[in-house]
C-alpha cells in the first residue's frame, strides 16, 4: 500500500485532468477500498 500510494502521489504531481461532455476524468490517481456494516 505504501509503495502504491507513493506512486499515486507522483502521478498527481504529473497528471493532466481530462474534460469531456460527461465530466472530469481522473486517470489512475485514486485507489479504492471496501467498508461495510
ModelCIF file with pLDDT and N, C-alpha, C, O atoms, coordinates in Angstrom:
data_MODEL
#
_entry.id   MODEL 
#
_entity.id                         1 
_entity.type                       polymer 
_entity.pdbx_number_of_molecules   1 
#
_entity_poly.entity_id                      1 
_entity_poly.type                           'polypeptide(L)' 
_entity_poly.nstd_linkage                   no 
_entity_poly.nstd_monomer                   no 
_entity_poly.pdbx_seq_one_letter_code       
;(UNK)(UNK)(UNK)(UNK)(UNK)(UNK)(UNK)(UNK)(UNK)(UNK)(UNK)(UNK)(UNK)(UNK)(UNK)(UNK)
(UNK)(UNK)(UNK)(UNK)(UNK)(UNK)(UNK)(UNK)(UNK)(UNK)(UNK)(UNK)(UNK)(UNK)(UNK)(UNK)
(UNK)(UNK)(UNK)(UNK)(UNK)
;
_entity_poly.pdbx_seq_one_letter_code_can   XXXXXXXXXXXXXXXXXXXXXXXXXXXXXXXXXXXXX 
_entity_poly.pdbx_strand_id                 A 
#
loop_
_entity_poly_seq.entity_id 
_entity_poly_seq.num 
_entity_poly_seq.mon_id 
_entity_poly_seq.hetero 
1 1  UNK n 
1 2  UNK n 
1 3  UNK n 
1 4  UNK n 
1 5  UNK n 
1 6  UNK n 
1 7  UNK n 
1 8  UNK n 
1 9  UNK n 
1 10 UNK n 
1 11 UNK n 
1 12 UNK n 
1 13 UNK n 
1 14 UNK n 
1 15 UNK n 
1 16 UNK n 
1 17 UNK n 
1 18 UNK n 
1 19 UNK n 
1 20 UNK n 
1 21 UNK n 
1 22 UNK n 
1 23 UNK n 
1 24 UNK n 
1 25 UNK n 
1 26 UNK n 
1 27 UNK n 
1 28 UNK n 
1 29 UNK n 
1 30 UNK n 
1 31 UNK n 
1 32 UNK n 
1 33 UNK n 
1 34 UNK n 
1 35 UNK n 
1 36 UNK n 
1 37 UNK n 
#
_struct_asym.id          A 
_struct_asym.entity_id   1 
#
loop_
_ma_qa_metric.id 
_ma_qa_metric.mode 
_ma_qa_metric.name 
_ma_qa_metric.software_group_id 
_ma_qa_metric.type 
1 global pLDDT . pLDDT 
2 local  pLDDT . pLDDT 
#
_ma_qa_metric_global.metric_id      1 
_ma_qa_metric_global.metric_value   93.65 
_ma_qa_metric_global.model_id       1 
_ma_qa_metric_global.ordinal_id     1 
#
loop_
_ma_qa_metric_local.label_asym_id 
_ma_qa_metric_local.label_comp_id 
_ma_qa_metric_local.label_seq_id 
_ma_qa_metric_local.metric_id 
_ma_qa_metric_local.metric_value 
_ma_qa_metric_local.model_id 
_ma_qa_metric_local.ordinal_id 
A UNK 1  2 94.00 1 1  
A UNK 2  2 95.00 1 2  
A UNK 3  2 96.00 1 3  
A UNK 4  2 96.00 1 4  
A UNK 5  2 96.00 1 5  
A UNK 6  2 96.00 1 6  
A UNK 7  2 95.00 1 7  
A UNK 8  2 96.00 1 8  
A UNK 9  2 94.00 1 9  
A UNK 10 2 93.00 1 10 
A UNK 11 2 92.00 1 11 
A UNK 12 2 93.00 1 12 
A UNK 13 2 90.00 1 13 
A UNK 14 2 87.00 1 14 
A UNK 15 2 84.00 1 15 
A UNK 16 2 83.00 1 16 
A UNK 17 2 86.00 1 17 
A UNK 18 2 90.00 1 18 
A UNK 19 2 92.00 1 19 
A UNK 20 2 91.00 1 20 
A UNK 21 2 93.00 1 21 
A UNK 22 2 94.00 1 22 
A UNK 23 2 96.00 1 23 
A UNK 24 2 96.00 1 24 
A UNK 25 2 96.00 1 25 
A UNK 26 2 95.00 1 26 
A UNK 27 2 89.00 1 27 
A UNK 28 2 93.00 1 28 
A UNK 29 2 96.00 1 29 
A UNK 30 2 97.00 1 30 
A UNK 31 2 98.00 1 31 
A UNK 32 2 98.00 1 32 
A UNK 33 2 97.00 1 33 
A UNK 34 2 96.00 1 34 
A UNK 35 2 96.00 1 35 
A UNK 36 2 98.00 1 36 
A UNK 37 2 98.00 1 37 
#
loop_
_atom_site.group_PDB 
_atom_site.id 
_atom_site.type_symbol 
_atom_site.label_atom_id 
_atom_site.label_alt_id 
_atom_site.label_comp_id 
_atom_site.label_asym_id 
_atom_site.label_entity_id 
_atom_site.label_seq_id 
_atom_site.pdbx_PDB_ins_code 
_atom_site.Cartn_x 
_atom_site.Cartn_y 
_atom_site.Cartn_z 
_atom_site.occupancy 
_atom_site.B_iso_or_equiv 
_atom_site.pdbx_formal_charge 
_atom_site.auth_seq_id 
_atom_site.auth_comp_id 
_atom_site.auth_asym_id 
_atom_site.auth_atom_id 
_atom_site.pdbx_PDB_model_num 
ATOM 1   N N  . UNK A 1 1  ? 0.831   -1.204 0.000   1.00 94.00 ? 1  UNK A N  1 
ATOM 2   C CA . UNK A 1 1  ? 0.000   0.000  0.000   1.00 94.00 ? 1  UNK A CA 1 
ATOM 3   C C  . UNK A 1 1  ? 0.868   1.258  0.000   1.00 94.00 ? 1  UNK A C  1 
ATOM 4   O O  . UNK A 1 1  ? 0.614   2.188  -0.766  1.00 94.00 ? 1  UNK A O  1 
ATOM 5   N N  . UNK A 1 2  ? 1.885   1.288  0.852   1.00 95.00 ? 2  UNK A N  1 
ATOM 6   C CA . UNK A 1 2  ? 2.755   2.465  0.907   1.00 95.00 ? 2  UNK A CA 1 
ATOM 7   C C  . UNK A 1 2  ? 3.431   2.713  -0.435  1.00 95.00 ? 2  UNK A C  1 
ATOM 8   O O  . UNK A 1 2  ? 3.551   3.856  -0.875  1.00 95.00 ? 2  UNK A O  1 
ATOM 9   N N  . UNK A 1 3  ? 3.872   1.634  -1.083  1.00 96.00 ? 3  UNK A N  1 
ATOM 10  C CA . UNK A 1 3  ? 4.510   1.769  -2.387  1.00 96.00 ? 3  UNK A CA 1 
ATOM 11  C C  . UNK A 1 3  ? 3.526   2.307  -3.428  1.00 96.00 ? 3  UNK A C  1 
ATOM 12  O O  . UNK A 1 3  ? 3.853   3.225  -4.180  1.00 96.00 ? 3  UNK A O  1 
ATOM 13  N N  . UNK A 1 4  ? 2.322   1.733  -3.468  1.00 96.00 ? 4  UNK A N  1 
ATOM 14  C CA . UNK A 1 4  ? 1.329   2.142  -4.459  1.00 96.00 ? 4  UNK A CA 1 
ATOM 15  C C  . UNK A 1 4  ? 0.852   3.574  -4.222  1.00 96.00 ? 4  UNK A C  1 
ATOM 16  O O  . UNK A 1 4  ? 0.663   4.333  -5.172  1.00 96.00 ? 4  UNK A O  1 
ATOM 17  N N  . UNK A 1 5  ? 0.659   3.939  -2.967  1.00 96.00 ? 5  UNK A N  1 
ATOM 18  C CA . UNK A 1 5  ? 0.215   5.302  -2.666  1.00 96.00 ? 5  UNK A CA 1 
ATOM 19  C C  . UNK A 1 5  ? 1.293   6.308  -3.055  1.00 96.00 ? 5  UNK A C  1 
ATOM 20  O O  . UNK A 1 5  ? 0.976   7.392  -3.546  1.00 96.00 ? 5  UNK A O  1 
ATOM 21  N N  . UNK A 1 6  ? 2.562   5.964  -2.841  1.00 96.00 ? 6  UNK A N  1 
ATOM 22  C CA . UNK A 1 6  ? 3.654   6.847  -3.262  1.00 96.00 ? 6  UNK A CA 1 
ATOM 23  C C  . UNK A 1 6  ? 3.624   7.040  -4.781  1.00 96.00 ? 6  UNK A C  1 
ATOM 24  O O  . UNK A 1 6  ? 3.859   8.143  -5.274  1.00 96.00 ? 6  UNK A O  1 
ATOM 25  N N  . UNK A 1 7  ? 3.337   5.973  -5.513  1.00 95.00 ? 7  UNK A N  1 
ATOM 26  C CA . UNK A 1 7  ? 3.234   6.073  -6.975  1.00 95.00 ? 7  UNK A CA 1 
ATOM 27  C C  . UNK A 1 7  ? 2.057   6.966  -7.371  1.00 95.00 ? 7  UNK A C  1 
ATOM 28  O O  . UNK A 1 7  ? 2.167   7.756  -8.308  1.00 95.00 ? 7  UNK A O  1 
ATOM 29  N N  . UNK A 1 8  ? 0.938   6.844  -6.664  1.00 96.00 ? 8  UNK A N  1 
ATOM 30  C CA . UNK A 1 8  ? -0.223  7.681  -6.969  1.00 96.00 ? 8  UNK A CA 1 
ATOM 31  C C  . UNK A 1 8  ? 0.071   9.151  -6.696  1.00 96.00 ? 8  UNK A C  1 
ATOM 32  O O  . UNK A 1 8  ? -0.336  10.019 -7.468  1.00 96.00 ? 8  UNK A O  1 
ATOM 33  N N  . UNK A 1 9  ? 0.773   9.435  -5.605  1.00 94.00 ? 9  UNK A N  1 
ATOM 34  C CA . UNK A 1 9  ? 1.132   10.824 -5.303  1.00 94.00 ? 9  UNK A CA 1 
ATOM 35  C C  . UNK A 1 9  ? 1.987   11.416 -6.415  1.00 94.00 ? 9  UNK A C  1 
ATOM 36  O O  . UNK A 1 9  ? 1.828   12.582 -6.779  1.00 94.00 ? 9  UNK A O  1 
ATOM 37  N N  . UNK A 1 10 ? 2.889   10.613 -6.949  1.00 93.00 ? 10 UNK A N  1 
ATOM 38  C CA . UNK A 1 10 ? 3.735   11.081 -8.051  1.00 93.00 ? 10 UNK A CA 1 
ATOM 39  C C  . UNK A 1 10 ? 2.893   11.349 -9.297  1.00 93.00 ? 10 UNK A C  1 
ATOM 40  O O  . UNK A 1 10 ? 3.132   12.318 -10.018 1.00 93.00 ? 10 UNK A O  1 
ATOM 41  N N  . UNK A 1 11 ? 1.913   10.491 -9.545  1.00 92.00 ? 11 UNK A N  1 
ATOM 42  C CA . UNK A 1 11 ? 1.026   10.704 -10.687 1.00 92.00 ? 11 UNK A CA 1 
ATOM 43  C C  . UNK A 1 11 ? 0.225   11.990 -10.537 1.00 92.00 ? 11 UNK A C  1 
ATOM 44  O O  . UNK A 1 11 ? -0.016  12.700 -11.513 1.00 92.00 ? 11 UNK A O  1 
ATOM 45  N N  . UNK A 1 12 ? -0.187  12.283 -9.300  1.00 93.00 ? 12 UNK A N  1 
ATOM 46  C CA . UNK A 1 12 ? -0.944  13.514 -9.064  1.00 93.00 ? 12 UNK A CA 1 
ATOM 47  C C  . UNK A 1 12 ? -0.126  14.726 -9.472  1.00 93.00 ? 12 UNK A C  1 
ATOM 48  O O  . UNK A 1 12 ? -0.643  15.656 -10.091 1.00 93.00 ? 12 UNK A O  1 
ATOM 49  N N  . UNK A 1 13 ? 1.162   14.709 -9.119  1.00 90.00 ? 13 UNK A N  1 
ATOM 50  C CA . UNK A 1 13 ? 2.033   15.847 -9.450  1.00 90.00 ? 13 UNK A CA 1 
ATOM 51  C C  . UNK A 1 13 ? 2.194   16.013 -10.955 1.00 90.00 ? 13 UNK A C  1 
ATOM 52  O O  . UNK A 1 13 ? 2.412   17.124 -11.438 1.00 90.00 ? 13 UNK A O  1 
ATOM 53  N N  . UNK A 1 14 ? 2.087   14.916 -11.695 1.00 87.00 ? 14 UNK A N  1 
ATOM 54  C CA . UNK A 1 14 ? 2.314   14.975 -13.141 1.00 87.00 ? 14 UNK A CA 1 
ATOM 55  C C  . UNK A 1 14 ? 1.044   14.755 -13.963 1.00 87.00 ? 14 UNK A C  1 
ATOM 56  O O  . UNK A 1 14 ? 1.104   14.618 -15.185 1.00 87.00 ? 14 UNK A O  1 
ATOM 57  N N  . UNK A 1 15 ? -0.090  14.723 -13.293 1.00 84.00 ? 15 UNK A N  1 
ATOM 58  C CA . UNK A 1 15 ? -1.321  14.365 -14.000 1.00 84.00 ? 15 UNK A CA 1 
ATOM 59  C C  . UNK A 1 15 ? -1.899  15.553 -14.766 1.00 84.00 ? 15 UNK A C  1 
ATOM 60  O O  . UNK A 1 15 ? -1.712  16.712 -14.396 1.00 84.00 ? 15 UNK A O  1 
ATOM 61  N N  . UNK A 1 16 ? -2.597  15.228 -15.828 1.00 83.00 ? 16 UNK A N  1 
ATOM 62  C CA . UNK A 1 16 ? -3.330  16.214 -16.622 1.00 83.00 ? 16 UNK A CA 1 
ATOM 63  C C  . UNK A 1 16 ? -4.773  15.728 -16.692 1.00 83.00 ? 16 UNK A C  1 
ATOM 64  O O  . UNK A 1 16 ? -5.069  14.730 -17.349 1.00 83.00 ? 16 UNK A O  1 
ATOM 65  N N  . UNK A 1 17 ? -5.657  16.433 -16.017 1.00 86.00 ? 17 UNK A N  1 
ATOM 66  C CA . UNK A 1 17 ? -7.049  16.009 -15.963 1.00 86.00 ? 17 UNK A CA 1 
ATOM 67  C C  . UNK A 1 17 ? -7.700  16.183 -17.329 1.00 86.00 ? 17 UNK A C  1 
ATOM 68  O O  . UNK A 1 17 ? -7.414  17.127 -18.067 1.00 86.00 ? 17 UNK A O  1 
ATOM 69  N N  . UNK A 1 18 ? -8.569  15.255 -17.632 1.00 90.00 ? 18 UNK A N  1 
ATOM 70  C CA . UNK A 1 18 ? -9.255  15.271 -18.922 1.00 90.00 ? 18 UNK A CA 1 
ATOM 71  C C  . UNK A 1 18 ? -10.703 15.701 -18.731 1.00 90.00 ? 18 UNK A C  1 
ATOM 72  O O  . UNK A 1 18 ? -11.388 15.230 -17.823 1.00 90.00 ? 18 UNK A O  1 
ATOM 73  N N  . UNK A 1 19 ? -11.151 16.585 -19.582 1.00 92.00 ? 19 UNK A N  1 
ATOM 74  C CA . UNK A 1 19 ? -12.535 17.032 -19.551 1.00 92.00 ? 19 UNK A CA 1 
ATOM 75  C C  . UNK A 1 19 ? -13.263 16.500 -20.783 1.00 92.00 ? 19 UNK A C  1 
ATOM 76  O O  . UNK A 1 19 ? -12.730 16.526 -21.892 1.00 92.00 ? 19 UNK A O  1 
ATOM 77  N N  . UNK A 1 20 ? -14.478 16.020 -20.574 1.00 91.00 ? 20 UNK A N  1 
ATOM 78  C CA . UNK A 1 20 ? -15.318 15.678 -21.713 1.00 91.00 ? 20 UNK A CA 1 
ATOM 79  C C  . UNK A 1 20 ? -16.746 16.099 -21.387 1.00 91.00 ? 20 UNK A C  1 
ATOM 80  O O  . UNK A 1 20 ? -17.009 16.532 -20.266 1.00 91.00 ? 20 UNK A O  1 
ATOM 81  N N  . UNK A 1 21 ? -17.668 15.985 -22.328 1.00 93.00 ? 21 UNK A N  1 
ATOM 82  C CA . UNK A 1 21 ? -19.033 16.470 -22.057 1.00 93.00 ? 21 UNK A CA 1 
ATOM 83  C C  . UNK A 1 21 ? -19.701 15.813 -20.848 1.00 93.00 ? 21 UNK A C  1 
ATOM 84  O O  . UNK A 1 21 ? -20.643 16.373 -20.287 1.00 93.00 ? 21 UNK A O  1 
ATOM 85  N N  . UNK A 1 22 ? -19.230 14.639 -20.443 1.00 94.00 ? 22 UNK A N  1 
ATOM 86  C CA . UNK A 1 22 ? -19.871 13.930 -19.335 1.00 94.00 ? 22 UNK A CA 1 
ATOM 87  C C  . UNK A 1 22 ? -19.296 14.294 -17.969 1.00 94.00 ? 22 UNK A C  1 
ATOM 88  O O  . UNK A 1 22 ? -19.957 14.112 -16.947 1.00 94.00 ? 22 UNK A O  1 
ATOM 89  N N  . UNK A 1 23 ? -18.056 14.812 -17.950 1.00 96.00 ? 23 UNK A N  1 
ATOM 90  C CA . UNK A 1 23 ? -17.462 15.136 -16.664 1.00 96.00 ? 23 UNK A CA 1 
ATOM 91  C C  . UNK A 1 23 ? -15.954 15.247 -16.722 1.00 96.00 ? 23 UNK A C  1 
ATOM 92  O O  . UNK A 1 23 ? -15.371 15.410 -17.794 1.00 96.00 ? 23 UNK A O  1 
ATOM 93  N N  . UNK A 1 24 ? -15.320 15.158 -15.542 1.00 96.00 ? 24 UNK A N  1 
ATOM 94  C CA . UNK A 1 24 ? -13.870 15.256 -15.416 1.00 96.00 ? 24 UNK A CA 1 
ATOM 95  C C  . UNK A 1 24 ? -13.293 13.881 -15.129 1.00 96.00 ? 24 UNK A C  1 
ATOM 96  O O  . UNK A 1 24 ? -13.755 13.179 -14.230 1.00 96.00 ? 24 UNK A O  1 
ATOM 97  N N  . UNK A 1 25 ? -12.277 13.500 -15.902 1.00 96.00 ? 25 UNK A N  1 
ATOM 98  C CA . UNK A 1 25 ? -11.664 12.194 -15.755 1.00 96.00 ? 25 UNK A CA 1 
ATOM 99  C C  . UNK A 1 25 ? -10.357 12.323 -14.981 1.00 96.00 ? 25 UNK A C  1 
ATOM 100 O O  . UNK A 1 25 ? -9.501  13.145 -15.307 1.00 96.00 ? 25 UNK A O  1 
ATOM 101 N N  . UNK A 1 26 ? -10.224 11.493 -13.952 1.00 95.00 ? 26 UNK A N  1 
ATOM 102 C CA . UNK A 1 26 ? -9.001  11.444 -13.147 1.00 95.00 ? 26 UNK A CA 1 
ATOM 103 C C  . UNK A 1 26 ? -8.323  10.106 -13.430 1.00 95.00 ? 26 UNK A C  1 
ATOM 104 O O  . UNK A 1 26 ? -8.728  9.080  -12.884 1.00 95.00 ? 26 UNK A O  1 
ATOM 105 N N  . UNK A 1 27 ? -7.291  10.108 -14.284 1.00 89.00 ? 27 UNK A N  1 
ATOM 106 C CA . UNK A 1 27 ? -6.694  8.841  -14.713 1.00 89.00 ? 27 UNK A CA 1 
ATOM 107 C C  . UNK A 1 27 ? -5.687  8.289  -13.702 1.00 89.00 ? 27 UNK A C  1 
ATOM 108 O O  . UNK A 1 27 ? -4.566  8.787  -13.590 1.00 89.00 ? 27 UNK A O  1 
ATOM 109 N N  . UNK A 1 28 ? -6.102  7.258  -12.971 1.00 93.00 ? 28 UNK A N  1 
ATOM 110 C CA . UNK A 1 28 ? -5.193  6.488  -12.123 1.00 93.00 ? 28 UNK A CA 1 
ATOM 111 C C  . UNK A 1 28 ? -4.476  7.323  -11.056 1.00 93.00 ? 28 UNK A C  1 
ATOM 112 O O  . UNK A 1 28 ? -3.264  7.209  -10.874 1.00 93.00 ? 28 UNK A O  1 
ATOM 113 N N  . UNK A 1 29 ? -5.253  8.169  -10.348 1.00 96.00 ? 29 UNK A N  1 
ATOM 114 C CA . UNK A 1 29 ? -4.666  8.889  -9.209  1.00 96.00 ? 29 UNK A CA 1 
ATOM 115 C C  . UNK A 1 29 ? -5.353  8.518  -7.896  1.00 96.00 ? 29 UNK A C  1 
ATOM 116 O O  . UNK A 1 29 ? -4.962  9.000  -6.833  1.00 96.00 ? 29 UNK A O  1 
ATOM 117 N N  . UNK A 1 30 ? -6.373  7.664  -7.964  1.00 97.00 ? 30 UNK A N  1 
ATOM 118 C CA . UNK A 1 30 ? -7.082  7.228  -6.760  1.00 97.00 ? 30 UNK A CA 1 
ATOM 119 C C  . UNK A 1 30 ? -6.916  5.722  -6.564  1.00 97.00 ? 30 UNK A C  1 
ATOM 120 O O  . UNK A 1 30 ? -6.571  4.992  -7.493  1.00 97.00 ? 30 UNK A O  1 
ATOM 121 N N  . UNK A 1 31 ? -7.170  5.276  -5.333  1.00 98.00 ? 31 UNK A N  1 
ATOM 122 C CA . UNK A 1 31 ? -7.293  3.841  -5.093  1.00 98.00 ? 31 UNK A CA 1 
ATOM 123 C C  . UNK A 1 31 ? -8.574  3.595  -4.304  1.00 98.00 ? 31 UNK A C  1 
ATOM 124 O O  . UNK A 1 31 ? -9.066  4.482  -3.606  1.00 98.00 ? 31 UNK A O  1 
ATOM 125 N N  . UNK A 1 32 ? -9.106  2.383  -4.423  1.00 98.00 ? 32 UNK A N  1 
ATOM 126 C CA . UNK A 1 32 ? -10.386 2.056  -3.801  1.00 98.00 ? 32 UNK A CA 1 
ATOM 127 C C  . UNK A 1 32 ? -10.225 0.970  -2.739  1.00 98.00 ? 32 UNK A C  1 
ATOM 128 O O  . UNK A 1 32 ? -9.378  0.084  -2.848  1.00 98.00 ? 32 UNK A O  1 
ATOM 129 N N  . UNK A 1 33 ? -11.056 1.065  -1.720  1.00 97.00 ? 33 UNK A N  1 
ATOM 130 C CA . UNK A 1 33 ? -11.136 0.063  -0.667  1.00 97.00 ? 33 UNK A CA 1 
ATOM 131 C C  . UNK A 1 33 ? -12.617 -0.216 -0.396  1.00 97.00 ? 33 UNK A C  1 
ATOM 132 O O  . UNK A 1 33 ? -13.498 0.362  -1.032  1.00 97.00 ? 33 UNK A O  1 
ATOM 133 N N  . UNK A 1 34 ? -12.870 -1.113 0.560   1.00 96.00 ? 34 UNK A N  1 
ATOM 134 C CA . UNK A 1 34 ? -14.238 -1.518 0.896   1.00 96.00 ? 34 UNK A CA 1 
ATOM 135 C C  . UNK A 1 34 ? -14.503 -1.257 2.386   1.00 96.00 ? 34 UNK A C  1 
ATOM 136 O O  . UNK A 1 34 ? -13.652 -1.532 3.232   1.00 96.00 ? 34 UNK A O  1 
ATOM 137 N N  . UNK A 1 35 ? -15.683 -0.728 2.690   1.00 96.00 ? 35 UNK A N  1 
ATOM 138 C CA . UNK A 1 35 ? -16.138 -0.752 4.076   1.00 96.00 ? 35 UNK A CA 1 
ATOM 139 C C  . UNK A 1 35 ? -17.555 -1.315 4.121   1.00 96.00 ? 35 UNK A C  1 
ATOM 140 O O  . UNK A 1 35 ? -18.224 -1.404 3.091   1.00 96.00 ? 35 UNK A O  1 
ATOM 141 N N  . UNK A 1 36 ? -18.008 -1.692 5.306   1.00 98.00 ? 36 UNK A N  1 
ATOM 142 C CA . UNK A 1 36 ? -19.281 -2.398 5.363   1.00 98.00 ? 36 UNK A CA 1 
ATOM 143 C C  . UNK A 1 36 ? -19.953 -2.200 6.718   1.00 98.00 ? 36 UNK A C  1 
ATOM 144 O O  . UNK A 1 36 ? -19.379 -1.609 7.633   1.00 98.00 ? 36 UNK A O  1 
ATOM 145 N N  . UNK A 1 37 ? -21.176 -2.704 6.827   1.00 98.00 ? 37 UNK A N  1 
ATOM 146 C CA . UNK A 1 37 ? -21.898 -2.710 8.089   1.00 98.00 ? 37 UNK A CA 1 
ATOM 147 C C  . UNK A 1 37 ? -21.851 -4.121 8.657   1.00 98.00 ? 37 UNK A C  1 
ATOM 148 O O  . UNK A 1 37 ? -22.399 -4.374 9.730   1.00 98.00 ? 37 UNK A O  1 
#
